[in-house]
Amino acid sequence: MAPTTQHDIGDAGADPFHERSAPPLTVRKDILGGHFHFESASEALLRLVEAAYGGLPPQRRYAAPPMFHVELRLVPRQTDRSVDEPPPVRTQSGAGLLCGVMDASNYVLVSPGQRRALVVVSEDMLSHPYHVRYELIEFAVFLLAARGMDLVPLHGACVGREGRGILLLGASGAGKSTLALHSLLQGMDFLAEDAVFVQPDNMLATGVANYLHVRDDALRFVDDKETRRWIGESPVIRRRSGVEKFEADLRLGRGRSVATPMTLIGAVLVSNRIADDPDALLSPIPRHEIAGRLSADQPYAAAQPGWRRFEQEMMRMGMHRLLRGRHPRDSADALLTLLSPRRVASA
């Protein structure tokens, strides 16, 4: 039998959250309305934290924000990783813990009750920084935030104007990222592109406005040369689906990332179907269909606490379907009609 090591998931009798030695480095970040303390002896892992959450607007929602602690632990290389992509994260839960496991040397343990998480990363995974950021570190941060602040986690984007926001929902490939880009280019405020967190009792939405992910074929619709250059010179990431996208950093002075949560006034289901009438891109979804459409689009969120209240509020506000126009900016213009003060006042 192979000897167990200190970082094994099955380390019998060990408390995974017990601090064996004081990590020499601490980074503090305001994320989604909470204070997050990241501790690690690895500068490489803390640089990934900085890449993900450095320079973000604080999104403050509390006079005394809740505090969360994330320990990042780098362990020795365990295998020669000969594949281009690490295995996907598998989730488990029990005994008050939520776990995300890639393999025996790369995993996350989250204790929502203690507001703590442990992220373990092997040295060979540092050659896959995208996966470490999005599938391990983000796993810990988003779970702690959602459970610790009673937020409904949604897969989608959010843009708005003057404190009012519109949720952009829809299947992968529907065009949410392209719509978010052109909304930004039309002067709208940008909250998040991939994950939105909603407080269901007041419908305040928060997000992480760090990156915008754009496919190469979407650049042909970007008229501004400087914007095309900014996106085209950005690093390229590869999704699990195999789709490659530019990862454009919004913190480089591009766009309007909001510093406070947005109040949602509705949601749009983005469709990749081209409209028959280019002047009629939006159509209201009947109220009796909204609950079913939401649950089908957000199966993970539909199983979380607070979903029923969120669902009721969305039914009250209303939802629309958005078809594709001749140019993505036509879809962004359609969103602006929903955000107009006159439209909101009459709703």
Protein backbone atom coordinates (compact mmCIF):
# COMPACT_ATOMS: atom_id res chain seq x y z
CA MET A 1 0.00 0.00 0.00
CA ALA A 2 1.34 3.43 -0.93
CA PRO A 3 2.01 5.65 2.10
CA THR A 4 -0.44 8.47 2.69
CA THR A 5 0.89 11.98 2.45
CA GLN A 6 -0.12 15.10 4.29
CA HIS A 7 -2.10 16.49 1.35
CA ASP A 8 -4.10 13.32 0.54
CA ILE A 9 -7.87 13.72 0.57
CA GLY A 10 -8.15 10.62 2.68
CA ASP A 11 -5.65 11.68 5.35
CA ALA A 12 -7.26 9.81 8.22
CA GLY A 13 -7.94 11.80 11.35
CA ALA A 14 -6.60 15.07 9.92
CA ASP A 15 -8.51 18.34 9.95
CA PRO A 16 -8.04 19.73 6.42
CA PHE A 17 -8.70 23.26 7.67
CA HIS A 18 -6.21 23.08 10.53
CA GLU A 19 -3.33 25.46 9.89
CA ARG A 20 -0.21 23.32 10.19
CA SER A 21 2.12 26.25 9.77
CA ALA A 22 1.41 29.93 9.32
CA PRO A 23 1.52 30.76 5.59
CA PRO A 24 3.94 33.63 5.05
CA LEU A 25 1.82 35.44 2.46
CA THR A 26 -1.71 36.84 2.66
CA VAL A 27 -3.75 38.60 -0.02
CA ARG A 28 -7.06 40.33 0.74
CA LYS A 29 -9.70 40.96 -1.93
CA ASP A 30 -13.22 42.38 -1.98
CA ILE A 31 -15.26 39.98 -4.12
CA LEU A 32 -19.04 39.88 -4.63
CA GLY A 33 -19.61 41.98 -1.52
CA GLY A 34 -17.47 39.88 0.83
CA HIS A 35 -13.91 40.17 2.20
CA PHE A 36 -11.77 37.24 1.04
CA HIS A 37 -8.44 36.42 2.70
CA PHE A 38 -6.21 34.20 0.55
CA GLU A 39 -3.27 32.58 2.34
CA SER A 40 -0.47 30.63 0.72
CA ALA A 41 3.23 29.87 0.84
CA SER A 42 3.18 29.83 -2.97
CA GLU A 43 3.68 33.13 -4.77
CA ALA A 44 2.63 31.43 -8.02
CA LEU A 45 -0.82 30.59 -6.64
CA LEU A 46 -1.28 34.08 -5.21
CA ARG A 47 -0.40 35.53 -8.61
CA LEU A 48 -3.33 33.56 -10.03
CA VAL A 49 -5.55 35.11 -7.36
CA GLU A 50 -4.30 38.54 -8.43
CA ALA A 51 -4.94 37.71 -12.08
CA ALA A 52 -8.52 36.74 -11.27
CA TYR A 53 -9.53 39.34 -8.67
CA GLY A 54 -6.98 42.16 -8.62
CA GLY A 55 -8.27 45.64 -9.44
CA LEU A 56 -11.96 44.74 -9.30
CA PRO A 57 -14.62 47.21 -8.16
CA PRO A 58 -15.60 46.26 -4.58
CA GLN A 59 -19.35 45.62 -5.12
CA ARG A 60 -20.05 46.56 -1.51
CA ARG A 61 -23.45 45.53 -0.14
CA TYR A 62 -22.92 45.41 3.64
CA ALA A 63 -21.82 47.89 6.28
CA ALA A 64 -19.76 45.03 7.75
CA PRO A 65 -18.94 42.62 4.87
CA PRO A 66 -18.68 38.93 5.79
CA MET A 67 -15.17 37.49 5.85
CA PHE A 68 -14.03 34.32 4.10
CA HIS A 69 -10.72 32.47 4.26
CA VAL A 70 -9.16 30.49 1.41
CA GLU A 71 -5.92 28.55 1.89
CA LEU A 72 -4.03 27.74 -1.29
CA ARG A 73 -1.61 24.85 -0.95
CA LEU A 74 0.94 23.88 -3.60
CA VAL A 75 2.05 20.25 -3.41
CA PRO A 76 4.83 18.39 -5.28
CA ARG A 77 4.33 17.17 -8.82
CA GLN A 78 2.55 13.83 -8.65
CA THR A 79 2.46 12.62 -12.24
CA ASP A 80 3.87 13.52 -15.62
CA ARG A 81 0.86 15.26 -17.11
CA SER A 82 1.13 14.14 -20.72
CA VAL A 83 -2.39 15.22 -21.76
CA ASP A 84 -3.21 18.69 -22.99
CA GLU A 85 -6.11 19.11 -20.59
CA PRO A 86 -6.52 18.05 -16.94
CA PRO A 87 -9.52 15.90 -15.96
CA PRO A 88 -12.79 17.74 -15.27
CA VAL A 89 -13.83 18.58 -11.72
CA ARG A 90 -16.23 16.16 -10.06
CA THR A 91 -18.32 17.41 -7.15
CA GLN A 92 -19.15 15.65 -3.88
CA SER A 93 -20.81 16.80 -0.68
CA GLY A 94 -21.33 15.50 2.82
CA ALA A 95 -20.56 16.13 6.50
CA GLY A 96 -20.97 19.87 5.96
CA LEU A 97 -18.31 19.94 3.22
CA LEU A 98 -18.55 20.63 -0.51
CA CYS A 99 -15.78 19.17 -2.64
CA GLY A 100 -14.54 19.61 -6.18
CA VAL A 101 -12.02 16.97 -7.26
CA MET A 102 -9.86 16.82 -10.40
CA ASP A 103 -7.58 14.07 -9.08
CA ALA A 104 -5.83 13.04 -5.87
CA SER A 105 -3.50 16.06 -6.01
CA ASN A 106 -5.86 18.78 -7.27
CA TYR A 107 -9.04 19.42 -5.33
CA VAL A 108 -11.06 21.91 -3.32
CA LEU A 109 -12.68 21.48 0.10
CA VAL A 110 -15.27 24.08 1.11
CA SER A 111 -16.85 24.44 4.54
CA PRO A 112 -19.64 27.03 4.16
CA GLY A 113 -20.36 26.91 7.88
CA GLN A 114 -16.79 27.87 8.75
CA ARG A 115 -16.52 30.24 5.76
CA ARG A 116 -13.29 28.53 4.85
CA ALA A 117 -11.92 26.67 1.87
CA LEU A 118 -8.78 24.69 1.07
CA VAL A 119 -7.51 24.64 -2.53
CA VAL A 120 -4.80 22.05 -3.24
CA VAL A 121 -2.85 22.32 -6.50
CA SER A 122 0.03 20.19 -7.75
CA GLU A 123 3.09 21.86 -9.28
CA ASP A 124 2.41 20.42 -12.74
CA MET A 125 -1.00 22.15 -12.79
CA LEU A 126 0.74 25.54 -12.84
CA SER A 127 1.14 24.93 -16.58
CA HIS A 128 -2.68 25.05 -16.76
CA PRO A 129 -3.38 28.43 -15.10
CA TYR A 130 -6.79 28.83 -16.75
CA HIS A 131 -8.07 25.61 -15.16
CA VAL A 132 -6.58 26.46 -11.77
CA ARG A 133 -8.26 29.87 -11.79
CA TYR A 134 -11.68 28.88 -13.10
CA GLU A 135 -12.13 25.35 -11.82
CA LEU A 136 -10.34 25.33 -8.48
CA ILE A 137 -9.92 28.86 -7.08
CA GLU A 138 -13.22 30.08 -8.53
CA PHE A 139 -14.97 26.95 -7.24
CA ALA A 140 -13.98 27.93 -3.70
CA VAL A 141 -14.75 31.65 -4.04
CA PHE A 142 -18.13 31.27 -5.72
CA LEU A 143 -19.34 28.55 -3.36
CA LEU A 144 -18.32 30.51 -0.27
CA ALA A 145 -19.95 33.68 -1.60
CA ALA A 146 -23.20 32.01 -2.63
CA ARG A 147 -23.65 30.02 0.58
CA GLY A 148 -22.22 32.66 2.91
CA MET A 149 -24.27 35.58 1.57
CA ASP A 150 -27.45 33.73 0.48
CA LEU A 151 -26.97 34.48 -3.21
CA VAL A 152 -28.52 32.65 -6.16
CA PRO A 153 -25.67 31.67 -8.56
CA LEU A 154 -26.55 32.02 -12.23
CA HIS A 155 -24.70 31.09 -15.40
CA GLY A 156 -25.15 34.22 -17.47
CA ALA A 157 -24.15 37.83 -18.02
CA CYS A 158 -25.46 41.15 -16.76
CA VAL A 159 -25.31 44.63 -18.26
CA GLY A 160 -27.23 47.77 -17.43
CA ARG A 161 -27.41 51.48 -17.03
CA GLU A 162 -27.71 53.88 -14.08
CA GLY A 163 -27.94 51.08 -11.51
CA ARG A 164 -30.54 49.00 -13.39
CA GLY A 165 -29.52 45.65 -14.81
CA ILE A 166 -30.69 43.08 -17.34
CA LEU A 167 -29.79 39.40 -16.96
CA LEU A 168 -28.56 37.77 -20.16
CA LEU A 169 -29.36 34.06 -20.07
CA GLY A 170 -29.25 31.32 -22.68
CA ALA A 171 -27.44 28.18 -23.74
CA SER A 172 -23.72 28.08 -24.44
CA GLY A 173 -23.12 29.40 -27.95
CA ALA A 174 -26.25 31.54 -27.96
CA GLY A 175 -24.17 34.72 -28.11
CA LYS A 176 -24.25 36.08 -24.56
CA SER A 177 -20.58 37.10 -24.61
CA THR A 178 -20.90 38.83 -27.98
CA LEU A 179 -23.99 40.67 -26.76
CA ALA A 180 -22.18 41.69 -23.57
CA LEU A 181 -19.29 43.02 -25.68
CA HIS A 182 -21.53 45.13 -27.90
CA SER A 183 -23.53 46.34 -24.91
CA LEU A 184 -20.23 47.55 -23.46
CA LEU A 185 -19.36 49.21 -26.79
CA GLN A 186 -22.76 50.95 -26.73
CA GLY A 187 -21.84 52.55 -23.41
CA MET A 188 -23.73 50.27 -21.07
CA ASP A 189 -22.41 49.37 -17.63
CA PHE A 190 -20.84 45.92 -17.33
CA LEU A 191 -21.40 43.71 -14.28
CA ALA A 192 -20.39 40.20 -15.36
CA GLU A 193 -20.08 38.01 -18.42
CA ASP A 194 -20.15 34.41 -17.20
CA ALA A 195 -21.51 34.25 -13.65
CA VAL A 196 -24.05 36.48 -11.90
CA PHE A 197 -25.07 36.27 -8.23
CA VAL A 198 -28.46 37.59 -7.14
CA GLN A 199 -29.77 38.41 -3.67
CA PRO A 200 -33.37 37.22 -4.10
CA ASP A 201 -34.99 39.38 -1.41
CA ASN A 202 -34.09 42.64 -3.19
CA MET A 203 -32.91 41.39 -6.64
CA LEU A 204 -29.51 43.04 -6.34
CA ALA A 205 -27.04 41.43 -8.74
CA THR A 206 -23.28 41.21 -8.31
CA GLY A 207 -20.54 39.69 -10.43
CA VAL A 208 -16.85 39.58 -11.22
CA ALA A 209 -16.04 42.00 -14.04
CA ASN A 210 -12.55 40.75 -14.83
CA TYR A 211 -12.57 39.22 -18.31
CA LEU A 212 -14.62 39.19 -21.48
CA HIS A 213 -14.35 36.02 -23.57
CA VAL A 214 -14.73 36.59 -27.30
CA ARG A 215 -14.54 34.17 -30.21
CA ASP A 216 -12.33 35.05 -33.13
CA ASP A 217 -15.28 35.10 -35.55
CA ALA A 218 -16.99 37.78 -33.46
CA LEU A 219 -14.23 40.30 -34.18
CA ARG A 220 -15.58 40.96 -37.67
CA PHE A 221 -18.50 42.80 -36.06
CA VAL A 222 -16.23 45.12 -34.06
CA ASP A 223 -15.82 48.32 -36.05
CA ASP A 224 -13.39 50.13 -33.74
CA LYS A 225 -9.78 49.26 -34.62
CA GLU A 226 -8.44 49.85 -31.12
CA THR A 227 -11.04 47.51 -29.62
CA ARG A 228 -10.24 44.83 -32.21
CA ARG A 229 -6.55 45.18 -31.42
CA TRP A 230 -7.17 45.00 -27.66
CA ILE A 231 -9.18 41.80 -28.01
CA GLY A 232 -7.06 40.24 -30.76
CA GLU A 233 -3.85 40.65 -28.75
CA SER A 234 -5.37 39.05 -25.64
CA PRO A 235 -4.41 35.53 -24.50
CA VAL A 236 -6.44 32.65 -25.91
CA ILE A 237 -8.14 30.15 -23.61
CA ARG A 238 -9.70 26.82 -24.53
CA ARG A 239 -13.03 25.85 -22.98
CA ARG A 240 -13.83 22.27 -22.00
CA SER A 241 -16.11 22.18 -25.04
CA GLY A 242 -13.07 22.75 -27.26
CA VAL A 243 -14.10 26.30 -28.19
CA GLU A 244 -11.23 28.79 -28.13
CA LYS A 245 -11.80 32.40 -27.08
CA PHE A 246 -9.77 35.53 -26.51
CA GLU A 247 -9.64 36.40 -22.81
CA ALA A 248 -9.76 40.21 -22.87
CA ASP A 249 -9.00 41.90 -19.55
CA LEU A 250 -11.63 44.54 -18.80
CA ARG A 251 -9.41 46.07 -16.10
CA LEU A 252 -7.15 47.61 -18.71
CA GLY A 253 -9.39 50.65 -18.98
CA ARG A 254 -11.94 49.22 -21.41
CA GLY A 255 -15.63 49.49 -20.62
CA ARG A 256 -17.58 50.60 -17.57
CA SER A 257 -17.35 48.07 -14.74
CA VAL A 258 -19.74 49.10 -11.98
CA ALA A 259 -18.62 49.51 -8.37
CA THR A 260 -22.01 48.77 -6.80
CA PRO A 261 -24.57 45.99 -7.35
CA MET A 262 -27.26 46.48 -9.99
CA THR A 263 -30.99 46.22 -9.32
CA LEU A 264 -32.42 43.77 -11.79
CA ILE A 265 -35.42 44.91 -13.82
CA GLY A 266 -35.78 41.79 -15.95
CA ALA A 267 -34.07 39.07 -17.93
CA VAL A 268 -33.50 38.19 -21.57
CA LEU A 269 -33.15 34.69 -23.02
CA VAL A 270 -30.59 35.12 -25.79
CA SER A 271 -31.23 33.00 -28.88
CA ASN A 272 -28.88 32.24 -31.79
CA ARG A 273 -31.85 32.24 -34.18
CA ILE A 274 -31.84 35.10 -36.70
CA ALA A 275 -34.99 37.22 -36.57
CA ASP A 276 -37.30 37.20 -39.60
CA ASP A 277 -38.03 40.86 -38.94
CA PRO A 278 -34.80 42.74 -38.08
CA ASP A 279 -36.86 45.45 -36.41
CA ALA A 280 -38.56 43.01 -34.02
CA LEU A 281 -35.83 41.27 -32.05
CA LEU A 282 -37.54 41.26 -28.64
CA SER A 283 -40.68 39.35 -27.72
CA PRO A 284 -42.15 38.93 -24.22
CA ILE A 285 -42.24 35.45 -22.73
CA PRO A 286 -45.73 34.61 -21.39
CA ARG A 287 -45.81 34.78 -17.61
CA HIS A 288 -46.94 31.16 -17.22
CA GLU A 289 -43.84 29.99 -19.16
CA ILE A 290 -41.23 31.94 -17.21
CA ALA A 291 -40.71 29.47 -14.34
CA GLY A 292 -40.20 26.56 -16.74
CA ARG A 293 -37.84 28.53 -18.99
CA LEU A 294 -35.76 29.66 -16.01
CA SER A 295 -35.45 26.18 -14.50
CA ALA A 296 -34.48 24.65 -17.85
CA ASP A 297 -31.83 27.33 -18.42
CA GLN A 298 -30.44 27.26 -14.86
CA PRO A 299 -30.63 23.67 -13.53
CA TYR A 300 -27.90 24.20 -10.92
CA ALA A 301 -29.35 27.42 -9.55
CA ALA A 302 -32.87 25.94 -9.48
CA ALA A 303 -31.71 23.51 -6.77
CA GLN A 304 -30.21 26.22 -4.55
CA PRO A 305 -31.73 28.02 -1.54
CA GLY A 306 -33.49 31.22 -2.54
CA TRP A 307 -34.46 29.99 -6.00
CA ARG A 308 -38.20 30.10 -5.37
CA ARG A 309 -38.08 33.74 -4.29
CA PHE A 310 -35.88 34.62 -7.27
CA GLU A 311 -38.26 32.82 -9.62
CA GLN A 312 -41.26 34.70 -8.23
CA GLU A 313 -39.53 38.05 -8.64
CA MET A 314 -38.57 37.24 -12.23
CA MET A 315 -42.15 36.31 -13.01
CA ARG A 316 -43.25 39.66 -11.60
CA MET A 317 -40.65 41.60 -13.62
CA GLY A 318 -41.06 39.69 -16.84
CA MET A 319 -38.70 38.09 -19.33
CA HIS A 320 -38.08 38.54 -23.04
CA ARG A 321 -36.67 36.43 -25.82
CA LEU A 322 -34.00 38.14 -27.91
CA LEU A 323 -33.32 37.00 -31.47
CA ARG A 324 -30.27 37.91 -33.53
CA GLY A 325 -30.36 40.97 -35.74
CA ARG A 326 -28.26 41.94 -38.75
CA HIS A 327 -25.48 43.14 -36.42
CA PRO A 328 -24.82 42.42 -32.72
CA ARG A 329 -25.20 46.13 -31.92
CA ASP A 330 -28.86 45.83 -33.00
CA SER A 331 -29.36 43.36 -30.15
CA ALA A 332 -27.58 45.75 -27.77
CA ASP A 333 -29.89 48.55 -28.93
CA ALA A 334 -32.86 46.30 -28.14
CA LEU A 335 -31.56 45.92 -24.58
CA LEU A 336 -31.38 49.70 -24.27
CA THR A 337 -35.11 49.92 -24.94
CA LEU A 338 -35.72 47.66 -21.93
CA LEU A 339 -33.46 49.81 -19.79
CA SER A 340 -35.05 53.13 -20.73
CA PRO A 341 -36.48 54.99 -17.69
CA ARG A 342 -39.85 55.31 -19.40
CA ARG A 343 -40.05 51.54 -19.96
CA VAL A 344 -39.05 50.82 -16.34
CA ALA A 345 -41.56 53.33 -14.94
CA SER A 346 -44.43 51.74 -16.86
CA ALA A 347 -43.51 48.17 -15.94
